[in-house]
Amino acid sequence: MTIPHQANEPASADRLVPASDNADFKGAQSAIRRAAQRARQLAQQTGTDLIVVRAGKVVRVRPESGRPE
């Protein structure tokens, strides 16, 4: 799971798993990124909050603002 500061912000480099020579692993990373982007889009469309981890705590984030509720 990424830990964005705003709903449209990519994950920080320290939270990403390094790429492997394994093609399946690379494909899985891409799929996870696409799923996270789709979750952000869906949250904006439906007016629902995203659940993310910040500083080790689970928080609700409004997708349009990127701020905790």
PDB file of N, CA and C in Angstrom:
ATOM      1  N   MET A   1       0.843  -1.170   0.000  1.00  0.00           N
ATOM      2  CA  MET A   1       0.000   0.000   0.000  1.00  0.00           C
ATOM      3  C   MET A   1       0.887   1.230   0.000  1.00  0.00           C
ATOM      4  N   THR A   2       0.513   2.207  -0.817  1.00  0.00           N
ATOM      5  CA  THR A   2       1.259   3.448  -0.800  1.00  0.00           C
ATOM      6  C   THR A   2       0.795   4.325   0.345  1.00  0.00           C
ATOM      7  N   ILE A   3       1.626   5.271   0.728  1.00  0.00           N
ATOM      8  CA  ILE A   3       1.279   6.191   1.805  1.00  0.00           C
ATOM      9  C   ILE A   3       1.372   7.608   1.242  1.00  0.00           C
ATOM     10  N   PRO A   4       0.401   8.003   0.410  1.00  0.00           N
ATOM     11  CA  PRO A   4       0.471   9.334  -0.177  1.00  0.00           C
ATOM     12  C   PRO A   4       0.101  10.421   0.816  1.00  0.00           C
ATOM     13  N   HIS A   5       0.668  11.616   0.628  1.00  0.00           N
ATOM     14  CA  HIS A   5       0.284  12.764   1.445  1.00  0.00           C
ATOM     15  C   HIS A   5      -0.956  13.412   0.856  1.00  0.00           C
ATOM     16  N   GLN A   6      -1.147  13.269  -0.433  1.00  0.00           N
ATOM     17  CA  GLN A   6      -2.364  13.689  -1.101  1.00  0.00           C
ATOM     18  C   GLN A   6      -2.827  12.502  -1.928  1.00  0.00           C
ATOM     19  N   ALA A   7      -4.097  12.473  -2.236  1.00  0.00           N
ATOM     20  CA  ALA A   7      -4.649  11.316  -2.928  1.00  0.00           C
ATOM     21  C   ALA A   7      -4.001  11.083  -4.285  1.00  0.00           C
ATOM     22  N   ASN A   8      -3.506  12.113  -4.931  1.00  0.00           N
ATOM     23  CA  ASN A   8      -2.923  11.944  -6.261  1.00  0.00           C
ATOM     24  C   ASN A   8      -1.398  11.924  -6.245  1.00  0.00           C
ATOM     25  N   GLU A   9      -0.797  11.879  -5.084  1.00  0.00           N
ATOM     26  CA  GLU A   9       0.654  11.902  -4.947  1.00  0.00           C
ATOM     27  C   GLU A   9       1.214  10.484  -4.952  1.00  0.00           C
ATOM     28  N   PRO A  10       2.288  10.234  -5.706  1.00  0.00           N
ATOM     29  CA  PRO A  10       2.865   8.880  -5.715  1.00  0.00           C
ATOM     30  C   PRO A  10       3.531   8.548  -4.384  1.00  0.00           C
ATOM     31  N   ALA A  11       3.768   7.294  -4.177  1.00  0.00           N
ATOM     32  CA  ALA A  11       4.415   6.833  -2.942  1.00  0.00           C
ATOM     33  C   ALA A  11       5.848   7.335  -2.883  1.00  0.00           C
ATOM     34  N   SER A  12       6.351   7.522  -1.689  1.00  0.00           N
ATOM     35  CA  SER A  12       7.742   7.927  -1.532  1.00  0.00           C
ATOM     36  C   SER A  12       8.647   6.757  -1.901  1.00  0.00           C
ATOM     37  N   ALA A  13       9.855   7.074  -2.320  1.00  0.00           N
ATOM     38  CA  ALA A  13      10.780   6.049  -2.798  1.00  0.00           C
ATOM     39  C   ALA A  13      11.147   5.036  -1.721  1.00  0.00           C
ATOM     40  N   ASP A  14      11.154   5.438  -0.457  1.00  0.00           N
ATOM     41  CA  ASP A  14      11.545   4.507   0.596  1.00  0.00           C
ATOM     42  C   ASP A  14      10.475   3.454   0.866  1.00  0.00           C
ATOM     43  N   ARG A  15       9.261   3.642   0.364  1.00  0.00           N
ATOM     44  CA  ARG A  15       8.184   2.677   0.581  1.00  0.00           C
ATOM     45  C   ARG A  15       8.005   1.733  -0.611  1.00  0.00           C
ATOM     46  N   LEU A  16       8.747   1.943  -1.684  1.00  0.00           N
ATOM     47  CA  LEU A  16       8.619   1.100  -2.861  1.00  0.00           C
ATOM     48  C   LEU A  16       9.563  -0.092  -2.758  1.00  0.00           C
ATOM     49  N   VAL A  17       9.109  -1.208  -3.250  1.00  0.00           N
ATOM     50  CA  VAL A  17       9.931  -2.410  -3.294  1.00  0.00           C
ATOM     51  C   VAL A  17      10.816  -2.307  -4.526  1.00  0.00           C
ATOM     52  N   PRO A  18      12.108  -2.577  -4.414  1.00  0.00           N
ATOM     53  CA  PRO A  18      12.981  -2.474  -5.578  1.00  0.00           C
ATOM     54  C   PRO A  18      12.562  -3.439  -6.680  1.00  0.00           C
ATOM     55  N   ALA A  19      12.738  -3.011  -7.912  1.00  0.00           N
ATOM     56  CA  ALA A  19      12.366  -3.844  -9.055  1.00  0.00           C
ATOM     57  C   ALA A  19      13.254  -5.084  -9.100  1.00  0.00           C
ATOM     58  N   SER A  20      12.680  -6.147  -9.559  1.00  0.00           N
ATOM     59  CA  SER A  20      13.390  -7.416  -9.655  1.00  0.00           C
ATOM     60  C   SER A  20      13.551  -7.783 -11.123  1.00  0.00           C
ATOM     61  N   ASP A  21      14.402  -8.759 -11.412  1.00  0.00           N
ATOM     62  CA  ASP A  21      14.527  -9.259 -12.774  1.00  0.00           C
ATOM     63  C   ASP A  21      13.339 -10.140 -13.136  1.00  0.00           C
ATOM     64  N   ASN A  22      12.556 -10.504 -12.160  1.00  0.00           N
ATOM     65  CA  ASN A  22      11.408 -11.370 -12.373  1.00  0.00           C
ATOM     66  C   ASN A  22      10.276 -10.578 -13.025  1.00  0.00           C
ATOM     67  N   ALA A  23       9.862 -10.961 -14.231  1.00  0.00           N
ATOM     68  CA  ALA A  23       8.822 -10.241 -14.971  1.00  0.00           C
ATOM     69  C   ALA A  23       7.491 -10.243 -14.227  1.00  0.00           C
ATOM     70  N   ASP A  24       7.167 -11.332 -13.534  1.00  0.00           N
ATOM     71  CA  ASP A  24       5.912 -11.382 -12.781  1.00  0.00           C
ATOM     72  C   ASP A  24       5.911 -10.349 -11.663  1.00  0.00           C
ATOM     73  N   PHE A  25       7.041 -10.193 -11.005  1.00  0.00           N
ATOM     74  CA  PHE A  25       7.142  -9.220  -9.921  1.00  0.00           C
ATOM     75  C   PHE A  25       6.944  -7.806 -10.452  1.00  0.00           C
ATOM     76  N   LYS A  26       7.585  -7.486 -11.565  1.00  0.00           N
ATOM     77  CA  LYS A  26       7.425  -6.164 -12.174  1.00  0.00           C
ATOM     78  C   LYS A  26       5.972  -5.936 -12.567  1.00  0.00           C
ATOM     79  N   GLY A  27       5.331  -6.958 -13.099  1.00  0.00           N
ATOM     80  CA  GLY A  27       3.925  -6.844 -13.468  1.00  0.00           C
ATOM     81  C   GLY A  27       3.037  -6.626 -12.257  1.00  0.00           C
ATOM     82  N   ALA A  28       3.379  -7.257 -11.146  1.00  0.00           N
ATOM     83  CA  ALA A  28       2.588  -7.100  -9.922  1.00  0.00           C
ATOM     84  C   ALA A  28       2.694  -5.676  -9.395  1.00  0.00           C
ATOM     85  N   GLN A  29       3.884  -5.097  -9.434  1.00  0.00           N
ATOM     86  CA  GLN A  29       4.048  -3.712  -8.979  1.00  0.00           C
ATOM     87  C   GLN A  29       3.193  -2.766  -9.816  1.00  0.00           C
ATOM     88  N   SER A  30       3.207  -2.955 -11.110  1.00  0.00           N
ATOM     89  CA  SER A  30       2.396  -2.116 -11.992  1.00  0.00           C
ATOM     90  C   SER A  30       0.916  -2.288 -11.698  1.00  0.00           C
ATOM     91  N   ALA A  31       0.498  -3.509 -11.461  1.00  0.00           N
ATOM     92  CA  ALA A  31      -0.908  -3.781 -11.159  1.00  0.00           C
ATOM     93  C   ALA A  31      -1.329  -3.122  -9.847  1.00  0.00           C
ATOM     94  N   ILE A  32      -0.466  -3.151  -8.853  1.00  0.00           N
ATOM     95  CA  ILE A  32      -0.777  -2.517  -7.566  1.00  0.00           C
ATOM     96  C   ILE A  32      -0.902  -1.008  -7.741  1.00  0.00           C
ATOM     97  N   ARG A  33      -0.011  -0.415  -8.523  1.00  0.00           N
ATOM     98  CA  ARG A  33      -0.097   1.034  -8.769  1.00  0.00           C
ATOM     99  C   ARG A  33      -1.394   1.389  -9.492  1.00  0.00           C
ATOM    100  N   ARG A  34      -1.759   0.584 -10.501  1.00  0.00           N
ATOM    101  CA  ARG A  34      -3.017   0.841 -11.222  1.00  0.00           C
ATOM    102  C   ARG A  34      -4.214   0.701 -10.300  1.00  0.00           C
ATOM    103  N   ALA A  35      -4.196  -0.293  -9.426  1.00  0.00           N
ATOM    104  CA  ALA A  35      -5.304  -0.498  -8.482  1.00  0.00           C
ATOM    105  C   ALA A  35      -5.410   0.670  -7.512  1.00  0.00           C
ATOM    106  N   ALA A  36      -4.285   1.186  -7.040  1.00  0.00           N
ATOM    107  CA  ALA A  36      -4.303   2.333  -6.126  1.00  0.00           C
ATOM    108  C   ALA A  36      -4.855   3.567  -6.828  1.00  0.00           C
ATOM    109  N   GLN A  37      -4.446   3.781  -8.070  1.00  0.00           N
ATOM    110  CA  GLN A  37      -4.957   4.923  -8.834  1.00  0.00           C
ATOM    111  C   GLN A  37      -6.460   4.784  -9.050  1.00  0.00           C
ATOM    112  N   ARG A  38      -6.900   3.585  -9.377  1.00  0.00           N
ATOM    113  CA  ARG A  38      -8.336   3.351  -9.582  1.00  0.00           C
ATOM    114  C   ARG A  38      -9.105   3.570  -8.280  1.00  0.00           C
ATOM    115  N   ALA A  39      -8.552   3.173  -7.157  1.00  0.00           N
ATOM    116  CA  ALA A  39      -9.213   3.394  -5.864  1.00  0.00           C
ATOM    117  C   ALA A  39      -9.353   4.885  -5.585  1.00  0.00           C
ATOM    118  N   ARG A  40      -8.324   5.670  -5.913  1.00  0.00           N
ATOM    119  CA  ARG A  40      -8.411   7.120  -5.723  1.00  0.00           C
ATOM    120  C   ARG A  40      -9.481   7.725  -6.626  1.00  0.00           C
ATOM    121  N   GLN A  41      -9.529   7.288  -7.883  1.00  0.00           N
ATOM    122  CA  GLN A  41     -10.546   7.793  -8.811  1.00  0.00           C
ATOM    123  C   GLN A  41     -11.947   7.442  -8.330  1.00  0.00           C
ATOM    124  N   LEU A  42     -12.135   6.207  -7.922  1.00  0.00           N
ATOM    125  CA  LEU A  42     -13.443   5.754  -7.456  1.00  0.00           C
ATOM    126  C   LEU A  42     -13.870   6.512  -6.202  1.00  0.00           C
ATOM    127  N   ALA A  43     -12.939   6.760  -5.302  1.00  0.00           N
ATOM    128  CA  ALA A  43     -13.254   7.517  -4.087  1.00  0.00           C
ATOM    129  C   ALA A  43     -13.701   8.932  -4.438  1.00  0.00           C
ATOM    130  N   GLN A  44     -13.047   9.554  -5.414  1.00  0.00           N
ATOM    131  CA  GLN A  44     -13.454  10.894  -5.836  1.00  0.00           C
ATOM    132  C   GLN A  44     -14.837  10.859  -6.473  1.00  0.00           C
ATOM    133  N   GLN A  45     -15.094   9.887  -7.320  1.00  0.00           N
ATOM    134  CA  GLN A  45     -16.373   9.795  -8.017  1.00  0.00           C
ATOM    135  C   GLN A  45     -17.530   9.528  -7.071  1.00  0.00           C
ATOM    136  N   THR A  46     -17.293   8.760  -6.040  1.00  0.00           N
ATOM    137  CA  THR A  46     -18.369   8.367  -5.132  1.00  0.00           C
ATOM    138  C   THR A  46     -18.418   9.199  -3.860  1.00  0.00           C
ATOM    139  N   GLY A  47     -17.454  10.094  -3.686  1.00  0.00           N
ATOM    140  CA  GLY A  47     -17.442  10.937  -2.498  1.00  0.00           C
ATOM    141  C   GLY A  47     -17.106  10.182  -1.227  1.00  0.00           C
ATOM    142  N   THR A  48     -16.351   9.107  -1.358  1.00  0.00           N
ATOM    143  CA  THR A  48     -15.955   8.331  -0.183  1.00  0.00           C
ATOM    144  C   THR A  48     -14.498   8.629   0.180  1.00  0.00           C
ATOM    145  N   ASP A  49     -14.147   8.328   1.402  1.00  0.00           N
ATOM    146  CA  ASP A  49     -12.792   8.571   1.883  1.00  0.00           C
ATOM    147  C   ASP A  49     -11.876   7.404   1.543  1.00  0.00           C
ATOM    148  N   LEU A  50     -10.594   7.708   1.450  1.00  0.00           N
ATOM    149  CA  LEU A  50      -9.564   6.682   1.316  1.00  0.00           C
ATOM    150  C   LEU A  50      -9.054   6.351   2.711  1.00  0.00           C
ATOM    151  N   ILE A  51      -8.667   5.121   2.915  1.00  0.00           N
ATOM    152  CA  ILE A  51      -8.060   4.703   4.173  1.00  0.00           C
ATOM    153  C   ILE A  51      -6.581   4.473   3.881  1.00  0.00           C
ATOM    154  N   VAL A  52      -5.718   5.236   4.558  1.00  0.00           N
ATOM    155  CA  VAL A  52      -4.279   5.153   4.324  1.00  0.00           C
ATOM    156  C   VAL A  52      -3.548   5.067   5.658  1.00  0.00           C
ATOM    157  N   VAL A  53      -2.275   4.733   5.601  1.00  0.00           N
ATOM    158  CA  VAL A  53      -1.439   4.680   6.797  1.00  0.00           C
ATOM    159  C   VAL A  53      -0.481   5.857   6.745  1.00  0.00           C
ATOM    160  N   ARG A  54      -0.480   6.649   7.814  1.00  0.00           N
ATOM    161  CA  ARG A  54       0.446   7.779   7.943  1.00  0.00           C
ATOM    162  C   ARG A  54       1.083   7.724   9.320  1.00  0.00           C
ATOM    163  N   ALA A  55       2.389   7.762   9.331  1.00  0.00           N
ATOM    164  CA  ALA A  55       3.142   7.720  10.590  1.00  0.00           C
ATOM    165  C   ALA A  55       2.711   6.530  11.432  1.00  0.00           C
ATOM    166  N   GLY A  56       2.448   5.400  10.775  1.00  0.00           N
ATOM    167  CA  GLY A  56       2.075   4.185  11.483  1.00  0.00           C
ATOM    168  C   GLY A  56       0.642   4.129  11.964  1.00  0.00           C
ATOM    169  N   LYS A  57      -0.168   5.125  11.601  1.00  0.00           N
ATOM    170  CA  LYS A  57      -1.571   5.146  12.026  1.00  0.00           C
ATOM    171  C   LYS A  57      -2.482   5.087  10.811  1.00  0.00           C
ATOM    172  N   VAL A  58      -3.591   4.379  10.947  1.00  0.00           N
ATOM    173  CA  VAL A  58      -4.588   4.296   9.889  1.00  0.00           C
ATOM    174  C   VAL A  58      -5.487   5.524   9.996  1.00  0.00           C
ATOM    175  N   VAL A  59      -5.603   6.270   8.883  1.00  0.00           N
ATOM    176  CA  VAL A  59      -6.421   7.483   8.873  1.00  0.00           C
ATOM    177  C   VAL A  59      -7.300   7.524   7.632  1.00  0.00           C
ATOM    178  N   ARG A  60      -8.410   8.256   7.743  1.00  0.00           N
ATOM    179  CA  ARG A  60      -9.283   8.514   6.598  1.00  0.00           C
ATOM    180  C   ARG A  60      -8.794   9.778   5.907  1.00  0.00           C
ATOM    181  N   VAL A  61      -8.784   9.751   4.580  1.00  0.00           N
ATOM    182  CA  VAL A  61      -8.362  10.906   3.799  1.00  0.00           C
ATOM    183  C   VAL A  61      -9.421  11.176   2.745  1.00  0.00           C
ATOM    184  N   ARG A  62      -9.824  12.431   2.656  1.00  0.00           N
ATOM    185  CA  ARG A  62     -10.751  12.814   1.594  1.00  0.00           C
ATOM    186  C   ARG A  62      -9.934  12.907   0.310  1.00  0.00           C
ATOM    187  N   PRO A  63     -10.337  12.226  -0.745  1.00  0.00           N
ATOM    188  CA  PRO A  63      -9.511  12.165  -1.951  1.00  0.00           C
ATOM    189  C   PRO A  63      -9.280  13.521  -2.615  1.00  0.00           C
ATOM    190  N   GLU A  64     -10.222  14.437  -2.518  1.00  0.00           N
ATOM    191  CA  GLU A  64     -10.044  15.735  -3.161  1.00  0.00           C
ATOM    192  C   GLU A  64      -9.093  16.645  -2.402  1.00  0.00           C
ATOM    193  N   SER A  65      -8.947  16.443  -1.103  1.00  0.00           N
ATOM    194  CA  SER A  65      -8.102  17.335  -0.317  1.00  0.00           C
ATOM    195  C   SER A  65      -6.781  16.700   0.098  1.00  0.00           C
ATOM    196  N   GLY A  66      -6.770  15.393   0.270  1.00  0.00           N
ATOM    197  CA  GLY A  66      -5.577  14.725   0.759  1.00  0.00           C
ATOM    198  C   GLY A  66      -5.347  14.930   2.242  1.00  0.00           C
ATOM    199  N   ARG A  67      -6.324  15.505   2.935  1.00  0.00           N
ATOM    200  CA  ARG A  67      -6.191  15.772   4.374  1.00  0.00           C
ATOM    201  C   ARG A  67      -6.963  14.747   5.184  1.00  0.00           C
ATOM    202  N   PRO A  68      -6.446  14.397   6.363  1.00  0.00           N
ATOM    203  CA  PRO A  68      -7.189  13.478   7.232  1.00  0.00           C
ATOM    204  C   PRO A  68      -8.499  14.101   7.682  1.00  0.00           C
ATOM    205  N   GLU A  69      -9.488  13.266   7.879  1.00  0.00           N
ATOM    206  CA  GLU A  69     -10.794  13.734   8.348  1.00  0.00           C
ATOM    207  C   GLU A  69     -10.775  14.008   9.827  1.00  0.00           C
TER     208      GLU A  69
END
